[in-house]
Structure formats: C-alpha cells, structure tokens
Amino acid sequence: MRDCLECREGCGACCIAPSITSPLPGMPLGKPAGVPCAQLGPDMRCQVFGTDARPGFCGSLRPAADLCGGSREEAFALIQALEQATRP
C-alpha cells in the first residue's frame, strides 16, 4: 500500500514525465512522455484538477512515496521508470 503524501510544491513531475494517451484540453492527441502538459500552470499545478476535463489517467496518479520519492528529481526518475515498464 502506498503512503499518502501531499503534492510537492513546484514539482509537476506527474504532469511532465508520463505519456498521456487520452485527449485533454489543449492536447487533443494526448502527450508524449517528457513533454509538459498544456494544463500545467506556472505554479506547476494542474489547471484542470477536479474537473471533468482531467483525464482518468491523471486522476489515477496520487502523491505517494513510491511515485514521488524524496525529491522532484526522484519523482521524475520513478515516473520515467514506470513509463518504461508499462510501455506496450
């Protein structure tokens, strides 16, 4: 079971590191891994969080030790590893 955390201020790793295959506002074809989401605000927070426009995949990403690690850099590394492990 993953430990629940709060989003790390200024991180945005979950909005940059993974690919998103479903449409989202500003990115009708989704986005490739490593590309910032069009909905990532200057404060590094999701601008469609809590709305119906937010893709289901994004809602499945929750702040947790095994996803976020101890730093922004570690979060990127962990999400990139998950991206590669789940690549078709």
PDB file of N, CA and C in Angstrom:
ATOM      1  N   MET A   1       0.840  -1.183   0.000  1.00  0.00           N
ATOM      2  CA  MET A   1       0.000   0.000   0.000  1.00  0.00           C
ATOM      3  C   MET A   1       0.882   1.242   0.000  1.00  0.00           C
ATOM      4  N   ARG A   2       0.522   2.204  -0.808  1.00  0.00           N
ATOM      5  CA  ARG A   2       1.323   3.406  -0.935  1.00  0.00           C
ATOM      6  C   ARG A   2       0.999   4.390   0.180  1.00  0.00           C
ATOM      7  N   ASP A   3       2.028   5.079   0.643  1.00  0.00           N
ATOM      8  CA  ASP A   3       1.823   6.112   1.660  1.00  0.00           C
ATOM      9  C   ASP A   3       1.265   7.356   0.992  1.00  0.00           C
ATOM     10  N   CYS A   4       0.259   7.945   1.599  1.00  0.00           N
ATOM     11  CA  CYS A   4      -0.339   9.170   1.066  1.00  0.00           C
ATOM     12  C   CYS A   4       0.533  10.365   1.436  1.00  0.00           C
ATOM     13  N   LEU A   5       0.765  11.223   0.477  1.00  0.00           N
ATOM     14  CA  LEU A   5       1.524  12.452   0.673  1.00  0.00           C
ATOM     15  C   LEU A   5       0.726  13.610   0.102  1.00  0.00           C
ATOM     16  N   GLU A   6       1.207  14.802   0.330  1.00  0.00           N
ATOM     17  CA  GLU A   6       0.689  15.991  -0.338  1.00  0.00           C
ATOM     18  C   GLU A   6       1.550  16.209  -1.575  1.00  0.00           C
ATOM     19  N   CYS A   7       0.988  16.867  -2.593  1.00  0.00           N
ATOM     20  CA  CYS A   7       1.797  17.216  -3.754  1.00  0.00           C
ATOM     21  C   CYS A   7       2.953  18.094  -3.314  1.00  0.00           C
ATOM     22  N   ARG A   8       4.128  17.821  -3.890  1.00  0.00           N
ATOM     23  CA  ARG A   8       5.317  18.614  -3.581  1.00  0.00           C
ATOM     24  C   ARG A   8       5.215  19.940  -4.325  1.00  0.00           C
ATOM     25  N   GLU A   9       5.310  21.025  -3.617  1.00  0.00           N
ATOM     26  CA  GLU A   9       5.213  22.344  -4.230  1.00  0.00           C
ATOM     27  C   GLU A   9       6.290  22.516  -5.298  1.00  0.00           C
ATOM     28  N   GLY A  10       5.880  23.010  -6.468  1.00  0.00           N
ATOM     29  CA  GLY A  10       6.818  23.278  -7.552  1.00  0.00           C
ATOM     30  C   GLY A  10       7.324  22.054  -8.278  1.00  0.00           C
ATOM     31  N   CYS A  11       6.699  20.901  -8.113  1.00  0.00           N
ATOM     32  CA  CYS A  11       7.197  19.659  -8.718  1.00  0.00           C
ATOM     33  C   CYS A  11       6.710  19.496 -10.158  1.00  0.00           C
ATOM     34  N   GLY A  12       5.463  19.111 -10.337  1.00  0.00           N
ATOM     35  CA  GLY A  12       4.902  18.925 -11.671  1.00  0.00           C
ATOM     36  C   GLY A  12       5.380  17.688 -12.405  1.00  0.00           C
ATOM     37  N   ALA A  13       6.125  16.803 -11.739  1.00  0.00           N
ATOM     38  CA  ALA A  13       6.659  15.617 -12.415  1.00  0.00           C
ATOM     39  C   ALA A  13       5.562  14.766 -13.043  1.00  0.00           C
ATOM     40  N   CYS A  14       4.425  14.624 -12.361  1.00  0.00           N
ATOM     41  CA  CYS A  14       3.346  13.782 -12.888  1.00  0.00           C
ATOM     42  C   CYS A  14       2.649  14.424 -14.084  1.00  0.00           C
ATOM     43  N   CYS A  15       2.919  15.701 -14.341  1.00  0.00           N
ATOM     44  CA  CYS A  15       2.343  16.399 -15.493  1.00  0.00           C
ATOM     45  C   CYS A  15       3.349  16.522 -16.640  1.00  0.00           C
ATOM     46  N   ILE A  16       4.551  16.031 -16.422  1.00  0.00           N
ATOM     47  CA  ILE A  16       5.598  16.111 -17.432  1.00  0.00           C
ATOM     48  C   ILE A  16       6.113  14.719 -17.808  1.00  0.00           C
ATOM     49  N   ALA A  17       6.500  13.923 -16.823  1.00  0.00           N
ATOM     50  CA  ALA A  17       7.194  12.663 -17.075  1.00  0.00           C
ATOM     51  C   ALA A  17       6.380  11.600 -17.822  1.00  0.00           C
ATOM     52  N   PRO A  18       5.104  11.357 -17.470  1.00  0.00           N
ATOM     53  CA  PRO A  18       4.400  10.262 -18.144  1.00  0.00           C
ATOM     54  C   PRO A  18       3.786  10.679 -19.478  1.00  0.00           C
ATOM     55  N   SER A  19       3.576   9.683 -20.330  1.00  0.00           N
ATOM     56  CA  SER A  19       2.779   9.926 -21.536  1.00  0.00           C
ATOM     57  C   SER A  19       1.309   9.858 -21.139  1.00  0.00           C
ATOM     58  N   ILE A  20       0.481  10.586 -21.872  1.00  0.00           N
ATOM     59  CA  ILE A  20      -0.969  10.545 -21.665  1.00  0.00           C
ATOM     60  C   ILE A  20      -1.568  10.250 -23.031  1.00  0.00           C
ATOM     61  N   THR A  21      -2.292   9.154 -23.138  1.00  0.00           N
ATOM     62  CA  THR A  21      -2.820   8.732 -24.440  1.00  0.00           C
ATOM     63  C   THR A  21      -4.233   9.212 -24.707  1.00  0.00           C
ATOM     64  N   SER A  22      -4.889   9.767 -23.706  1.00  0.00           N
ATOM     65  CA  SER A  22      -6.248  10.271 -23.916  1.00  0.00           C
ATOM     66  C   SER A  22      -6.203  11.775 -24.163  1.00  0.00           C
ATOM     67  N   PRO A  23      -7.236  12.294 -24.844  1.00  0.00           N
ATOM     68  CA  PRO A  23      -7.264  13.739 -25.102  1.00  0.00           C
ATOM     69  C   PRO A  23      -7.411  14.543 -23.819  1.00  0.00           C
ATOM     70  N   LEU A  24      -6.852  15.733 -23.837  1.00  0.00           N
ATOM     71  CA  LEU A  24      -7.027  16.665 -22.747  1.00  0.00           C
ATOM     72  C   LEU A  24      -7.051  18.068 -23.334  1.00  0.00           C
ATOM     73  N   PRO A  25      -7.589  19.035 -22.625  1.00  0.00           N
ATOM     74  CA  PRO A  25      -7.681  20.387 -23.174  1.00  0.00           C
ATOM     75  C   PRO A  25      -6.315  20.904 -23.642  1.00  0.00           C
ATOM     76  N   GLY A  26      -6.262  21.328 -24.891  1.00  0.00           N
ATOM     77  CA  GLY A  26      -5.024  21.838 -25.454  1.00  0.00           C
ATOM     78  C   GLY A  26      -4.134  20.778 -26.059  1.00  0.00           C
ATOM     79  N   MET A  27      -4.462  19.504 -25.849  1.00  0.00           N
ATOM     80  CA  MET A  27      -3.666  18.390 -26.380  1.00  0.00           C
ATOM     81  C   MET A  27      -4.636  17.281 -26.794  1.00  0.00           C
ATOM     82  N   PRO A  28      -5.320  17.468 -27.907  1.00  0.00           N
ATOM     83  CA  PRO A  28      -6.356  16.514 -28.304  1.00  0.00           C
ATOM     84  C   PRO A  28      -5.850  15.104 -28.601  1.00  0.00           C
ATOM     85  N   LEU A  29      -4.555  14.945 -28.828  1.00  0.00           N
ATOM     86  CA  LEU A  29      -3.987  13.618 -29.088  1.00  0.00           C
ATOM     87  C   LEU A  29      -3.228  13.085 -27.884  1.00  0.00           C
ATOM     88  N   GLY A  30      -3.367  13.737 -26.752  1.00  0.00           N
ATOM     89  CA  GLY A  30      -2.609  13.353 -25.575  1.00  0.00           C
ATOM     90  C   GLY A  30      -1.227  13.986 -25.624  1.00  0.00           C
ATOM     91  N   LYS A  31      -0.262  13.412 -24.910  1.00  0.00           N
ATOM     92  CA  LYS A  31       1.087  13.959 -24.909  1.00  0.00           C
ATOM     93  C   LYS A  31       2.117  12.859 -24.720  1.00  0.00           C
ATOM     94  N   PRO A  32       3.291  13.035 -25.314  1.00  0.00           N
ATOM     95  CA  PRO A  32       4.356  12.063 -25.097  1.00  0.00           C
ATOM     96  C   PRO A  32       5.031  12.252 -23.736  1.00  0.00           C
ATOM     97  N   ALA A  33       5.696  11.234 -23.278  1.00  0.00           N
ATOM     98  CA  ALA A  33       6.461  11.313 -22.035  1.00  0.00           C
ATOM     99  C   ALA A  33       7.522  12.396 -22.152  1.00  0.00           C
ATOM    100  N   GLY A  34       7.727  13.128 -21.066  1.00  0.00           N
ATOM    101  CA  GLY A  34       8.755  14.151 -21.029  1.00  0.00           C
ATOM    102  C   GLY A  34       8.324  15.520 -21.521  1.00  0.00           C
ATOM    103  N   VAL A  35       7.107  15.618 -22.051  1.00  0.00           N
ATOM    104  CA  VAL A  35       6.579  16.891 -22.548  1.00  0.00           C
ATOM    105  C   VAL A  35       5.613  17.447 -21.507  1.00  0.00           C
ATOM    106  N   PRO A  36       5.782  18.706 -21.115  1.00  0.00           N
ATOM    107  CA  PRO A  36       4.843  19.273 -20.144  1.00  0.00           C
ATOM    108  C   PRO A  36       3.417  19.311 -20.698  1.00  0.00           C
ATOM    109  N   CYS A  37       2.466  18.970 -19.872  1.00  0.00           N
ATOM    110  CA  CYS A  37       1.059  19.037 -20.236  1.00  0.00           C
ATOM    111  C   CYS A  37       0.666  20.499 -20.464  1.00  0.00           C
ATOM    112  N   ALA A  38      -0.212  20.728 -21.414  1.00  0.00           N
ATOM    113  CA  ALA A  38      -0.695  22.083 -21.690  1.00  0.00           C
ATOM    114  C   ALA A  38      -1.451  22.657 -20.497  1.00  0.00           C
ATOM    115  N   GLN A  39      -1.909  21.799 -19.597  1.00  0.00           N
ATOM    116  CA  GLN A  39      -2.664  22.253 -18.436  1.00  0.00           C
ATOM    117  C   GLN A  39      -1.811  22.429 -17.181  1.00  0.00           C
ATOM    118  N   LEU A  40      -0.495  22.318 -17.332  1.00  0.00           N
ATOM    119  CA  LEU A  40       0.406  22.542 -16.208  1.00  0.00           C
ATOM    120  C   LEU A  40       0.619  24.042 -16.066  1.00  0.00           C
ATOM    121  N   GLY A  41       0.177  24.593 -14.950  1.00  0.00           N
ATOM    122  CA  GLY A  41       0.266  26.031 -14.738  1.00  0.00           C
ATOM    123  C   GLY A  41       1.656  26.473 -14.328  1.00  0.00           C
ATOM    124  N   PRO A  42       1.886  27.778 -14.318  1.00  0.00           N
ATOM    125  CA  PRO A  42       3.187  28.302 -13.925  1.00  0.00           C
ATOM    126  C   PRO A  42       3.568  27.954 -12.484  1.00  0.00           C
ATOM    127  N   ASP A  43       2.561  27.618 -11.673  1.00  0.00           N
ATOM    128  CA  ASP A  43       2.825  27.190 -10.296  1.00  0.00           C
ATOM    129  C   ASP A  43       3.089  25.688 -10.221  1.00  0.00           C
ATOM    130  N   MET A  44       3.198  25.043 -11.388  1.00  0.00           N
ATOM    131  CA  MET A  44       3.461  23.601 -11.507  1.00  0.00           C
ATOM    132  C   MET A  44       2.320  22.760 -10.938  1.00  0.00           C
ATOM    133  N   ARG A  45       1.109  23.280 -11.046  1.00  0.00           N
ATOM    134  CA  ARG A  45      -0.093  22.554 -10.622  1.00  0.00           C
ATOM    135  C   ARG A  45      -1.015  22.388 -11.810  1.00  0.00           C
ATOM    136  N   CYS A  46      -1.831  21.341 -11.769  1.00  0.00           N
ATOM    137  CA  CYS A  46      -2.779  21.038 -12.846  1.00  0.00           C
ATOM    138  C   CYS A  46      -3.930  22.049 -12.842  1.00  0.00           C
ATOM    139  N   GLN A  47      -4.155  22.659 -13.995  1.00  0.00           N
ATOM    140  CA  GLN A  47      -5.220  23.653 -14.102  1.00  0.00           C
ATOM    141  C   GLN A  47      -6.603  23.027 -14.289  1.00  0.00           C
ATOM    142  N   VAL A  48      -6.667  21.734 -14.592  1.00  0.00           N
ATOM    143  CA  VAL A  48      -7.961  21.064 -14.740  1.00  0.00           C
ATOM    144  C   VAL A  48      -8.212  20.057 -13.615  1.00  0.00           C
ATOM    145  N   PHE A  49      -7.406  20.126 -12.562  1.00  0.00           N
ATOM    146  CA  PHE A  49      -7.586  19.247 -11.405  1.00  0.00           C
ATOM    147  C   PHE A  49      -8.990  19.429 -10.858  1.00  0.00           C
ATOM    148  N   GLY A  50      -9.677  18.324 -10.614  1.00  0.00           N
ATOM    149  CA  GLY A  50     -11.011  18.370 -10.035  1.00  0.00           C
ATOM    150  C   GLY A  50     -12.121  18.683 -11.018  1.00  0.00           C
ATOM    151  N   THR A  51     -11.800  18.711 -12.323  1.00  0.00           N
ATOM    152  CA  THR A  51     -12.821  18.974 -13.335  1.00  0.00           C
ATOM    153  C   THR A  51     -13.022  17.740 -14.209  1.00  0.00           C
ATOM    154  N   ASP A  52     -14.109  17.729 -14.958  1.00  0.00           N
ATOM    155  CA  ASP A  52     -14.372  16.620 -15.873  1.00  0.00           C
ATOM    156  C   ASP A  52     -13.392  16.584 -17.037  1.00  0.00           C
ATOM    157  N   ALA A  53     -12.687  17.682 -17.286  1.00  0.00           N
ATOM    158  CA  ALA A  53     -11.717  17.733 -18.383  1.00  0.00           C
ATOM    159  C   ALA A  53     -10.431  16.979 -18.057  1.00  0.00           C
ATOM    160  N   ARG A  54     -10.213  16.678 -16.799  1.00  0.00           N
ATOM    161  CA  ARG A  54      -8.995  15.968 -16.389  1.00  0.00           C
ATOM    162  C   ARG A  54      -9.097  14.503 -16.801  1.00  0.00           C
ATOM    163  N   PRO A  55      -8.107  13.998 -17.560  1.00  0.00           N
ATOM    164  CA  PRO A  55      -8.138  12.598 -17.986  1.00  0.00           C
ATOM    165  C   PRO A  55      -8.137  11.630 -16.800  1.00  0.00           C
ATOM    166  N   GLY A  56      -8.770  10.501 -16.984  1.00  0.00           N
ATOM    167  CA  GLY A  56      -8.813   9.479 -15.939  1.00  0.00           C
ATOM    168  C   GLY A  56      -7.432   9.027 -15.507  1.00  0.00           C
ATOM    169  N   PHE A  57      -6.513   8.929 -16.467  1.00  0.00           N
ATOM    170  CA  PHE A  57      -5.143   8.527 -16.128  1.00  0.00           C
ATOM    171  C   PHE A  57      -4.554   9.473 -15.089  1.00  0.00           C
ATOM    172  N   CYS A  58      -4.759  10.759 -15.299  1.00  0.00           N
ATOM    173  CA  CYS A  58      -4.208  11.756 -14.379  1.00  0.00           C
ATOM    174  C   CYS A  58      -4.792  11.589 -12.980  1.00  0.00           C
ATOM    175  N   GLY A  59      -6.072  11.282 -12.924  1.00  0.00           N
ATOM    176  CA  GLY A  59      -6.709  11.065 -11.636  1.00  0.00           C
ATOM    177  C   GLY A  59      -6.175   9.848 -10.914  1.00  0.00           C
ATOM    178  N   SER A  60      -5.573   8.920 -11.661  1.00  0.00           N
ATOM    179  CA  SER A  60      -5.012   7.718 -11.042  1.00  0.00           C
ATOM    180  C   SER A  60      -3.651   7.987 -10.409  1.00  0.00           C
ATOM    181  N   LEU A  61      -3.027   9.101 -10.746  1.00  0.00           N
ATOM    182  CA  LEU A  61      -1.731   9.456 -10.157  1.00  0.00           C
ATOM    183  C   LEU A  61      -1.979  10.204  -8.853  1.00  0.00           C
ATOM    184  N   ARG A  62      -1.564   9.611  -7.765  1.00  0.00           N
ATOM    185  CA  ARG A  62      -1.770  10.198  -6.445  1.00  0.00           C
ATOM    186  C   ARG A  62      -0.410  10.373  -5.778  1.00  0.00           C
ATOM    187  N   PRO A  63      -0.221  11.454  -5.052  1.00  0.00           N
ATOM    188  CA  PRO A  63       1.048  11.619  -4.347  1.00  0.00           C
ATOM    189  C   PRO A  63       1.288  10.442  -3.404  1.00  0.00           C
ATOM    190  N   ALA A  64       2.415   9.770  -3.587  1.00  0.00           N
ATOM    191  CA  ALA A  64       2.774   8.622  -2.764  1.00  0.00           C
ATOM    192  C   ALA A  64       4.288   8.442  -2.788  1.00  0.00           C
ATOM    193  N   ALA A  65       4.837   7.883  -1.735  1.00  0.00           N
ATOM    194  CA  ALA A  65       6.280   7.717  -1.620  1.00  0.00           C
ATOM    195  C   ALA A  65       6.866   6.939  -2.791  1.00  0.00           C
ATOM    196  N   ASP A  66       6.160   5.890  -3.263  1.00  0.00           N
ATOM    197  CA  ASP A  66       6.709   5.077  -4.344  1.00  0.00           C
ATOM    198  C   ASP A  66       6.572   5.734  -5.715  1.00  0.00           C
ATOM    199  N   LEU A  67       5.876   6.848  -5.796  1.00  0.00           N
ATOM    200  CA  LEU A  67       5.737   7.587  -7.047  1.00  0.00           C
ATOM    201  C   LEU A  67       6.513   8.900  -6.987  1.00  0.00           C
ATOM    202  N   CYS A  68       6.530   9.531  -5.836  1.00  0.00           N
ATOM    203  CA  CYS A  68       7.125  10.868  -5.691  1.00  0.00           C
ATOM    204  C   CYS A  68       8.540  10.859  -5.133  1.00  0.00           C
ATOM    205  N   GLY A  69       8.895   9.786  -4.427  1.00  0.00           N
ATOM    206  CA  GLY A  69      10.223   9.733  -3.835  1.00  0.00           C
ATOM    207  C   GLY A  69      10.460  10.867  -2.855  1.00  0.00           C
ATOM    208  N   GLY A  70      11.723  11.212  -2.687  1.00  0.00           N
ATOM    209  CA  GLY A  70      12.086  12.232  -1.717  1.00  0.00           C
ATOM    210  C   GLY A  70      12.388  13.590  -2.310  1.00  0.00           C
ATOM    211  N   SER A  71      12.314  13.699  -3.648  1.00  0.00           N
ATOM    212  CA  SER A  71      12.619  14.974  -4.300  1.00  0.00           C
ATOM    213  C   SER A  71      11.954  15.008  -5.674  1.00  0.00           C
ATOM    214  N   ARG A  72      11.946  16.176  -6.277  1.00  0.00           N
ATOM    215  CA  ARG A  72      11.398  16.322  -7.629  1.00  0.00           C
ATOM    216  C   ARG A  72      12.180  15.439  -8.605  1.00  0.00           C
ATOM    217  N   GLU A  73      13.483  15.429  -8.480  1.00  0.00           N
ATOM    218  CA  GLU A  73      14.327  14.627  -9.367  1.00  0.00           C
ATOM    219  C   GLU A  73      14.010  13.146  -9.228  1.00  0.00           C
ATOM    220  N   GLU A  74      13.813  12.703  -7.991  1.00  0.00           N
ATOM    221  CA  GLU A  74      13.479  11.297  -7.764  1.00  0.00           C
ATOM    222  C   GLU A  74      12.098  10.976  -8.329  1.00  0.00           C
ATOM    223  N   ALA A  75      11.158  11.910  -8.212  1.00  0.00           N
ATOM    224  CA  ALA A  75       9.824  11.707  -8.782  1.00  0.00           C
ATOM    225  C   ALA A  75       9.923  11.499 -10.295  1.00  0.00           C
ATOM    226  N   PHE A  76      10.712  12.328 -10.972  1.00  0.00           N
ATOM    227  CA  PHE A  76      10.899  12.155 -12.416  1.00  0.00           C
ATOM    228  C   PHE A  76      11.473  10.781 -12.723  1.00  0.00           C
ATOM    229  N   ALA A  77      12.490  10.368 -11.985  1.00  0.00           N
ATOM    230  CA  ALA A  77      13.125   9.068 -12.227  1.00  0.00           C
ATOM    231  C   ALA A  77      12.140   7.924 -12.004  1.00  0.00           C
ATOM    232  N   LEU A  78      11.364   7.993 -10.938  1.00  0.00           N
ATOM    233  CA  LEU A  78      10.404   6.922 -10.640  1.00  0.00           C
ATOM    234  C   LEU A  78       9.299   6.853 -11.694  1.00  0.00           C
ATOM    235  N   ILE A  79       8.793   8.004 -12.106  1.00  0.00           N
ATOM    236  CA  ILE A  79       7.721   8.015 -13.107  1.00  0.00           C
ATOM    237  C   ILE A  79       8.257   7.580 -14.467  1.00  0.00           C
ATOM    238  N   GLN A  80       9.472   7.981 -14.806  1.00  0.00           N
ATOM    239  CA  GLN A  80      10.070   7.537 -16.073  1.00  0.00           C
ATOM    240  C   GLN A  80      10.274   6.028 -16.075  1.00  0.00           C
ATOM    241  N   ALA A  81      10.692   5.464 -14.946  1.00  0.00           N
ATOM    242  CA  ALA A  81      10.860   4.006 -14.851  1.00  0.00           C
ATOM    243  C   ALA A  81       9.518   3.300 -15.007  1.00  0.00           C
ATOM    244  N   LEU A  82       8.478   3.842 -14.390  1.00  0.00           N
ATOM    245  CA  LEU A  82       7.140   3.270 -14.529  1.00  0.00           C
ATOM    246  C   LEU A  82       6.661   3.371 -15.971  1.00  0.00           C
ATOM    247  N   GLU A  83       6.935   4.492 -16.604  1.00  0.00           N
ATOM    248  CA  GLU A  83       6.583   4.692 -18.018  1.00  0.00           C
ATOM    249  C   GLU A  83       7.232   3.612 -18.882  1.00  0.00           C
ATOM    250  N   GLN A  84       8.507   3.374 -18.673  1.00  0.00           N
ATOM    251  CA  GLN A  84       9.207   2.354 -19.474  1.00  0.00           C
ATOM    252  C   GLN A  84       8.719   0.951 -19.161  1.00  0.00           C
ATOM    253  N   ALA A  85       8.427   0.681 -17.912  1.00  0.00           N
ATOM    254  CA  ALA A  85       7.976  -0.660 -17.508  1.00  0.00           C
ATOM    255  C   ALA A  85       6.591  -0.983 -18.055  1.00  0.00           C
ATOM    256  N   THR A  86       5.784   0.034 -18.320  1.00  0.00           N
ATOM    257  CA  THR A  86       4.416  -0.204 -18.800  1.00  0.00           C
ATOM    258  C   THR A  86       4.231   0.101 -20.285  1.00  0.00           C
ATOM    259  N   ARG A  87       5.338   0.370 -20.970  1.00  0.00           N
ATOM    260  CA  ARG A  87       5.278   0.663 -22.403  1.00  0.00           C
ATOM    261  C   ARG A  87       4.844  -0.598 -23.154  1.00  0.00           C
ATOM    262  N   PRO A  88       3.893  -0.442 -24.086  1.00  0.00           N
ATOM    263  CA  PRO A  88       3.424  -1.634 -24.833  1.00  0.00           C
ATOM    264  C   PRO A  88       4.496  -2.236 -25.729  1.00  0.00           C
TER     265      PRO A  88
END
